[in-house]
Amino acid sequence: MGLRYRVAWPVPGQRRRTIDIAFTRKRVAVYIDGCFWHGCPQHGTLPRSNADWWRDKLAANRARDASANAQLEKLGWKVLRFWEHEAPDTVARHIYEVVRPEDM
Protein backbone atom coordinates (compact mmCIF):
# COMPACT_ATOMS: atom_id res chain seq x y z
CA MET A 1 0.00 0.00 0.00
CA GLY A 2 3.08 2.21 -0.24
CA LEU A 3 3.44 2.99 3.47
CA ARG A 4 6.92 3.31 4.98
CA TYR A 5 7.49 1.43 8.22
CA ARG A 6 10.16 -0.02 10.49
CA VAL A 7 10.31 -3.56 11.84
CA ALA A 8 11.37 -4.41 15.42
CA TRP A 9 11.64 -0.72 16.38
CA PRO A 10 12.70 -0.17 20.02
CA VAL A 11 10.01 0.92 22.48
CA PRO A 12 11.27 4.24 23.87
CA GLY A 13 12.19 3.87 27.53
CA GLN A 14 11.85 0.09 27.65
CA ARG A 15 15.04 -1.84 27.11
CA ARG A 16 14.79 -5.09 25.16
CA ARG A 17 11.22 -4.41 23.98
CA THR A 18 10.34 -3.68 20.39
CA ILE A 19 7.37 -2.66 18.28
CA ASP A 20 6.56 -5.28 15.63
CA ILE A 21 5.78 -2.67 12.95
CA ALA A 22 6.39 1.02 13.64
CA PHE A 23 5.19 3.95 11.58
CA THR A 24 7.58 6.40 13.21
CA ARG A 25 6.45 9.62 11.51
CA LYS A 26 2.82 8.99 12.49
CA ARG A 27 3.74 7.44 15.84
CA VAL A 28 1.69 4.33 15.24
CA ALA A 29 2.82 1.03 16.76
CA VAL A 30 1.42 -2.22 15.36
CA TYR A 31 1.64 -5.55 17.14
CA ILE A 32 0.64 -8.92 15.74
CA ASP A 33 0.07 -11.05 18.84
CA GLY A 34 0.38 -14.82 18.73
CA CYS A 35 -2.68 -16.61 20.07
CA PHE A 36 -0.70 -18.85 22.40
CA TRP A 37 1.91 -16.37 23.65
CA HIS A 38 -0.50 -13.53 24.33
CA GLY A 39 -3.53 -15.48 25.57
CA CYS A 40 -6.05 -15.09 22.77
CA PRO A 41 -9.52 -15.57 24.30
CA GLN A 42 -10.60 -17.44 21.16
CA HIS A 43 -7.58 -19.68 20.42
CA GLY A 44 -5.27 -19.45 23.43
CA THR A 45 -4.47 -22.68 25.24
CA LEU A 46 -2.71 -23.59 28.45
CA PRO A 47 -0.39 -26.61 28.46
CA ARG A 48 -1.29 -29.28 31.02
CA SER A 49 2.31 -30.01 31.81
CA ASN A 50 3.79 -27.44 34.20
CA ALA A 51 0.50 -25.51 34.06
CA ASP A 52 1.27 -23.11 36.92
CA TRP A 53 4.51 -21.98 35.30
CA TRP A 54 2.78 -21.44 31.95
CA ARG A 55 -0.10 -19.56 33.58
CA ASP A 56 2.40 -17.19 35.20
CA LYS A 57 4.44 -16.87 31.99
CA LEU A 58 1.42 -15.96 29.84
CA ALA A 59 0.14 -13.53 32.49
CA ALA A 60 3.57 -11.86 32.50
CA ASN A 61 3.42 -11.59 28.69
CA ARG A 62 0.04 -9.83 28.90
CA ALA A 63 1.35 -7.52 31.64
CA ARG A 64 4.36 -6.67 29.45
CA ASP A 65 2.00 -5.90 26.57
CA ALA A 66 -0.02 -3.55 28.79
CA SER A 67 3.17 -1.86 30.00
CA ALA A 68 4.40 -1.30 26.44
CA ASN A 69 0.98 0.06 25.43
CA ALA A 70 0.93 2.47 28.36
CA GLN A 71 4.51 3.66 27.69
CA LEU A 72 3.83 4.29 24.02
CA GLU A 73 0.50 6.02 24.63
CA LYS A 74 2.15 8.23 27.26
CA LEU A 75 4.63 9.30 24.55
CA GLY A 76 1.85 10.11 22.09
CA TRP A 77 1.84 6.90 20.07
CA LYS A 78 -1.30 5.12 18.90
CA VAL A 79 -1.09 1.37 19.54
CA LEU A 80 -2.83 -1.14 17.29
CA ARG A 81 -2.92 -4.81 18.30
CA PHE A 82 -4.13 -7.67 16.16
CA TRP A 83 -4.29 -11.42 16.66
CA GLU A 84 -2.31 -13.71 14.40
CA HIS A 85 -5.54 -15.37 13.23
CA GLU A 86 -7.04 -12.15 11.85
CA ALA A 87 -7.25 -11.86 8.07
CA PRO A 88 -4.14 -10.07 6.75
CA ASP A 89 -6.13 -8.00 4.24
CA THR A 90 -8.47 -6.76 6.97
CA VAL A 91 -5.55 -5.91 9.27
CA ALA A 92 -3.71 -4.10 6.45
CA ARG A 93 -6.79 -2.03 5.59
CA HIS A 94 -7.28 -1.06 9.22
CA ILE A 95 -3.64 -0.01 9.54
CA TYR A 96 -3.84 1.96 6.30
CA GLU A 97 -6.92 3.85 7.54
CA VAL A 98 -4.96 4.96 10.61
CA VAL A 99 -1.63 5.68 8.93
CA ARG A 100 -2.58 6.83 5.42
CA PRO A 101 -0.76 9.84 4.02
CA GLU A 102 -2.34 13.27 4.48
CA ASP A 103 -2.47 13.96 0.74
CA MET A 104 -5.13 11.28 0.21
C-alpha atoms as a PDB file:
ATOM      1  CA  MET A   1       0.000   0.000   0.000  1.00  0.00           C
ATOM      2  CA  GLY A   2       3.076   2.211  -0.244  1.00  0.00           C
ATOM      3  CA  LEU A   3       3.443   2.992   3.465  1.00  0.00           C
ATOM      4  CA  ARG A   4       6.918   3.312   4.982  1.00  0.00           C
ATOM      5  CA  TYR A   5       7.486   1.426   8.222  1.00  0.00           C
ATOM      6  CA  ARG A   6      10.156  -0.024  10.488  1.00  0.00           C
ATOM      7  CA  VAL A   7      10.313  -3.557  11.845  1.00  0.00           C
ATOM      8  CA  ALA A   8      11.368  -4.406  15.421  1.00  0.00           C
ATOM      9  CA  TRP A   9      11.636  -0.724  16.381  1.00  0.00           C
ATOM     10  CA  PRO A  10      12.699  -0.169  20.022  1.00  0.00           C
ATOM     11  CA  VAL A  11      10.005   0.921  22.477  1.00  0.00           C
ATOM     12  CA  PRO A  12      11.270   4.239  23.868  1.00  0.00           C
ATOM     13  CA  GLY A  13      12.193   3.870  27.525  1.00  0.00           C
ATOM     14  CA  GLN A  14      11.849   0.089  27.652  1.00  0.00           C
ATOM     15  CA  ARG A  15      15.041  -1.839  27.113  1.00  0.00           C
ATOM     16  CA  ARG A  16      14.789  -5.086  25.165  1.00  0.00           C
ATOM     17  CA  ARG A  17      11.222  -4.405  23.981  1.00  0.00           C
ATOM     18  CA  THR A  18      10.344  -3.682  20.388  1.00  0.00           C
ATOM     19  CA  ILE A  19       7.369  -2.659  18.285  1.00  0.00           C
ATOM     20  CA  ASP A  20       6.555  -5.283  15.631  1.00  0.00           C
ATOM     21  CA  ILE A  21       5.783  -2.673  12.950  1.00  0.00           C
ATOM     22  CA  ALA A  22       6.392   1.025  13.639  1.00  0.00           C
ATOM     23  CA  PHE A  23       5.195   3.952  11.580  1.00  0.00           C
ATOM     24  CA  THR A  24       7.581   6.402  13.213  1.00  0.00           C
ATOM     25  CA  ARG A  25       6.446   9.616  11.514  1.00  0.00           C
ATOM     26  CA  LYS A  26       2.820   8.985  12.485  1.00  0.00           C
ATOM     27  CA  ARG A  27       3.737   7.442  15.840  1.00  0.00           C
ATOM     28  CA  VAL A  28       1.687   4.328  15.244  1.00  0.00           C
ATOM     29  CA  ALA A  29       2.816   1.033  16.762  1.00  0.00           C
ATOM     30  CA  VAL A  30       1.415  -2.221  15.364  1.00  0.00           C
ATOM     31  CA  TYR A  31       1.643  -5.548  17.143  1.00  0.00           C
ATOM     32  CA  ILE A  32       0.640  -8.920  15.737  1.00  0.00           C
ATOM     33  CA  ASP A  33       0.074 -11.046  18.838  1.00  0.00           C
ATOM     34  CA  GLY A  34       0.378 -14.815  18.727  1.00  0.00           C
ATOM     35  CA  CYS A  35      -2.682 -16.607  20.065  1.00  0.00           C
ATOM     36  CA  PHE A  36      -0.698 -18.853  22.403  1.00  0.00           C
ATOM     37  CA  TRP A  37       1.911 -16.373  23.651  1.00  0.00           C
ATOM     38  CA  HIS A  38      -0.504 -13.527  24.329  1.00  0.00           C
ATOM     39  CA  GLY A  39      -3.526 -15.481  25.569  1.00  0.00           C
ATOM     40  CA  CYS A  40      -6.055 -15.092  22.770  1.00  0.00           C
ATOM     41  CA  PRO A  41      -9.523 -15.575  24.295  1.00  0.00           C
ATOM     42  CA  GLN A  42     -10.603 -17.444  21.157  1.00  0.00           C
ATOM     43  CA  HIS A  43      -7.582 -19.675  20.424  1.00  0.00           C
ATOM     44  CA  GLY A  44      -5.267 -19.449  23.434  1.00  0.00           C
ATOM     45  CA  THR A  45      -4.475 -22.680  25.237  1.00  0.00           C
ATOM     46  CA  LEU A  46      -2.712 -23.591  28.449  1.00  0.00           C
ATOM     47  CA  PRO A  47      -0.393 -26.609  28.465  1.00  0.00           C
ATOM     48  CA  ARG A  48      -1.290 -29.285  31.017  1.00  0.00           C
ATOM     49  CA  SER A  49       2.313 -30.013  31.813  1.00  0.00           C
ATOM     50  CA  ASN A  50       3.794 -27.436  34.205  1.00  0.00           C
ATOM     51  CA  ALA A  51       0.501 -25.508  34.059  1.00  0.00           C
ATOM     52  CA  ASP A  52       1.272 -23.107  36.924  1.00  0.00           C
ATOM     53  CA  TRP A  53       4.509 -21.981  35.300  1.00  0.00           C
ATOM     54  CA  TRP A  54       2.778 -21.439  31.948  1.00  0.00           C
ATOM     55  CA  ARG A  55      -0.103 -19.564  33.575  1.00  0.00           C
ATOM     56  CA  ASP A  56       2.401 -17.191  35.199  1.00  0.00           C
ATOM     57  CA  LYS A  57       4.438 -16.866  31.990  1.00  0.00           C
ATOM     58  CA  LEU A  58       1.425 -15.965  29.842  1.00  0.00           C
ATOM     59  CA  ALA A  59       0.139 -13.530  32.487  1.00  0.00           C
ATOM     60  CA  ALA A  60       3.567 -11.861  32.498  1.00  0.00           C
ATOM     61  CA  ASN A  61       3.415 -11.589  28.692  1.00  0.00           C
ATOM     62  CA  ARG A  62       0.041  -9.834  28.901  1.00  0.00           C
ATOM     63  CA  ALA A  63       1.355  -7.522  31.644  1.00  0.00           C
ATOM     64  CA  ARG A  64       4.364  -6.670  29.455  1.00  0.00           C
ATOM     65  CA  ASP A  65       2.005  -5.895  26.567  1.00  0.00           C
ATOM     66  CA  ALA A  66      -0.016  -3.553  28.786  1.00  0.00           C
ATOM     67  CA  SER A  67       3.170  -1.862  30.002  1.00  0.00           C
ATOM     68  CA  ALA A  68       4.396  -1.297  26.437  1.00  0.00           C
ATOM     69  CA  ASN A  69       0.976   0.065  25.425  1.00  0.00           C
ATOM     70  CA  ALA A  70       0.932   2.471  28.365  1.00  0.00           C
ATOM     71  CA  GLN A  71       4.505   3.658  27.693  1.00  0.00           C
ATOM     72  CA  LEU A  72       3.832   4.287  24.020  1.00  0.00           C
ATOM     73  CA  GLU A  73       0.500   6.019  24.628  1.00  0.00           C
ATOM     74  CA  LYS A  74       2.153   8.233  27.256  1.00  0.00           C
ATOM     75  CA  LEU A  75       4.630   9.300  24.553  1.00  0.00           C
ATOM     76  CA  GLY A  76       1.848  10.113  22.091  1.00  0.00           C
ATOM     77  CA  TRP A  77       1.842   6.898  20.068  1.00  0.00           C
ATOM     78  CA  LYS A  78      -1.296   5.124  18.896  1.00  0.00           C
ATOM     79  CA  VAL A  79      -1.089   1.374  19.539  1.00  0.00           C
ATOM     80  CA  LEU A  80      -2.834  -1.143  17.292  1.00  0.00           C
ATOM     81  CA  ARG A  81      -2.922  -4.809  18.295  1.00  0.00           C
ATOM     82  CA  PHE A  82      -4.131  -7.667  16.156  1.00  0.00           C
ATOM     83  CA  TRP A  83      -4.295 -11.424  16.663  1.00  0.00           C
ATOM     84  CA  GLU A  84      -2.312 -13.715  14.397  1.00  0.00           C
ATOM     85  CA  HIS A  85      -5.536 -15.374  13.232  1.00  0.00           C
ATOM     86  CA  GLU A  86      -7.038 -12.153  11.851  1.00  0.00           C
ATOM     87  CA  ALA A  87      -7.247 -11.864   8.072  1.00  0.00           C
ATOM     88  CA  PRO A  88      -4.142 -10.072   6.746  1.00  0.00           C
ATOM     89  CA  ASP A  89      -6.132  -8.004   4.242  1.00  0.00           C
ATOM     90  CA  THR A  90      -8.467  -6.764   6.973  1.00  0.00           C
ATOM     91  CA  VAL A  91      -5.551  -5.913   9.266  1.00  0.00           C
ATOM     92  CA  ALA A  92      -3.707  -4.104   6.450  1.00  0.00           C
ATOM     93  CA  ARG A  93      -6.791  -2.033   5.586  1.00  0.00           C
ATOM     94  CA  HIS A  94      -7.279  -1.058   9.224  1.00  0.00           C
ATOM     95  CA  ILE A  95      -3.638  -0.015   9.544  1.00  0.00           C
ATOM     96  CA  TYR A  96      -3.845   1.965   6.303  1.00  0.00           C
ATOM     97  CA  GLU A  97      -6.924   3.849   7.544  1.00  0.00           C
ATOM     98  CA  VAL A  98      -4.965   4.957  10.611  1.00  0.00           C
ATOM     99  CA  VAL A  99      -1.629   5.682   8.926  1.00  0.00           C
ATOM    100  CA  ARG A 100      -2.583   6.827   5.420  1.00  0.00           C
ATOM    101  CA  PRO A 101      -0.762   9.836   4.018  1.00  0.00           C
ATOM    102  CA  GLU A 102      -2.338  13.272   4.483  1.00  0.00           C
ATOM    103  CA  ASP A 103      -2.472  13.959   0.743  1.00  0.00           C
ATOM    104  CA  MET A 104      -5.128  11.277   0.206  1.00  0.00           C
END
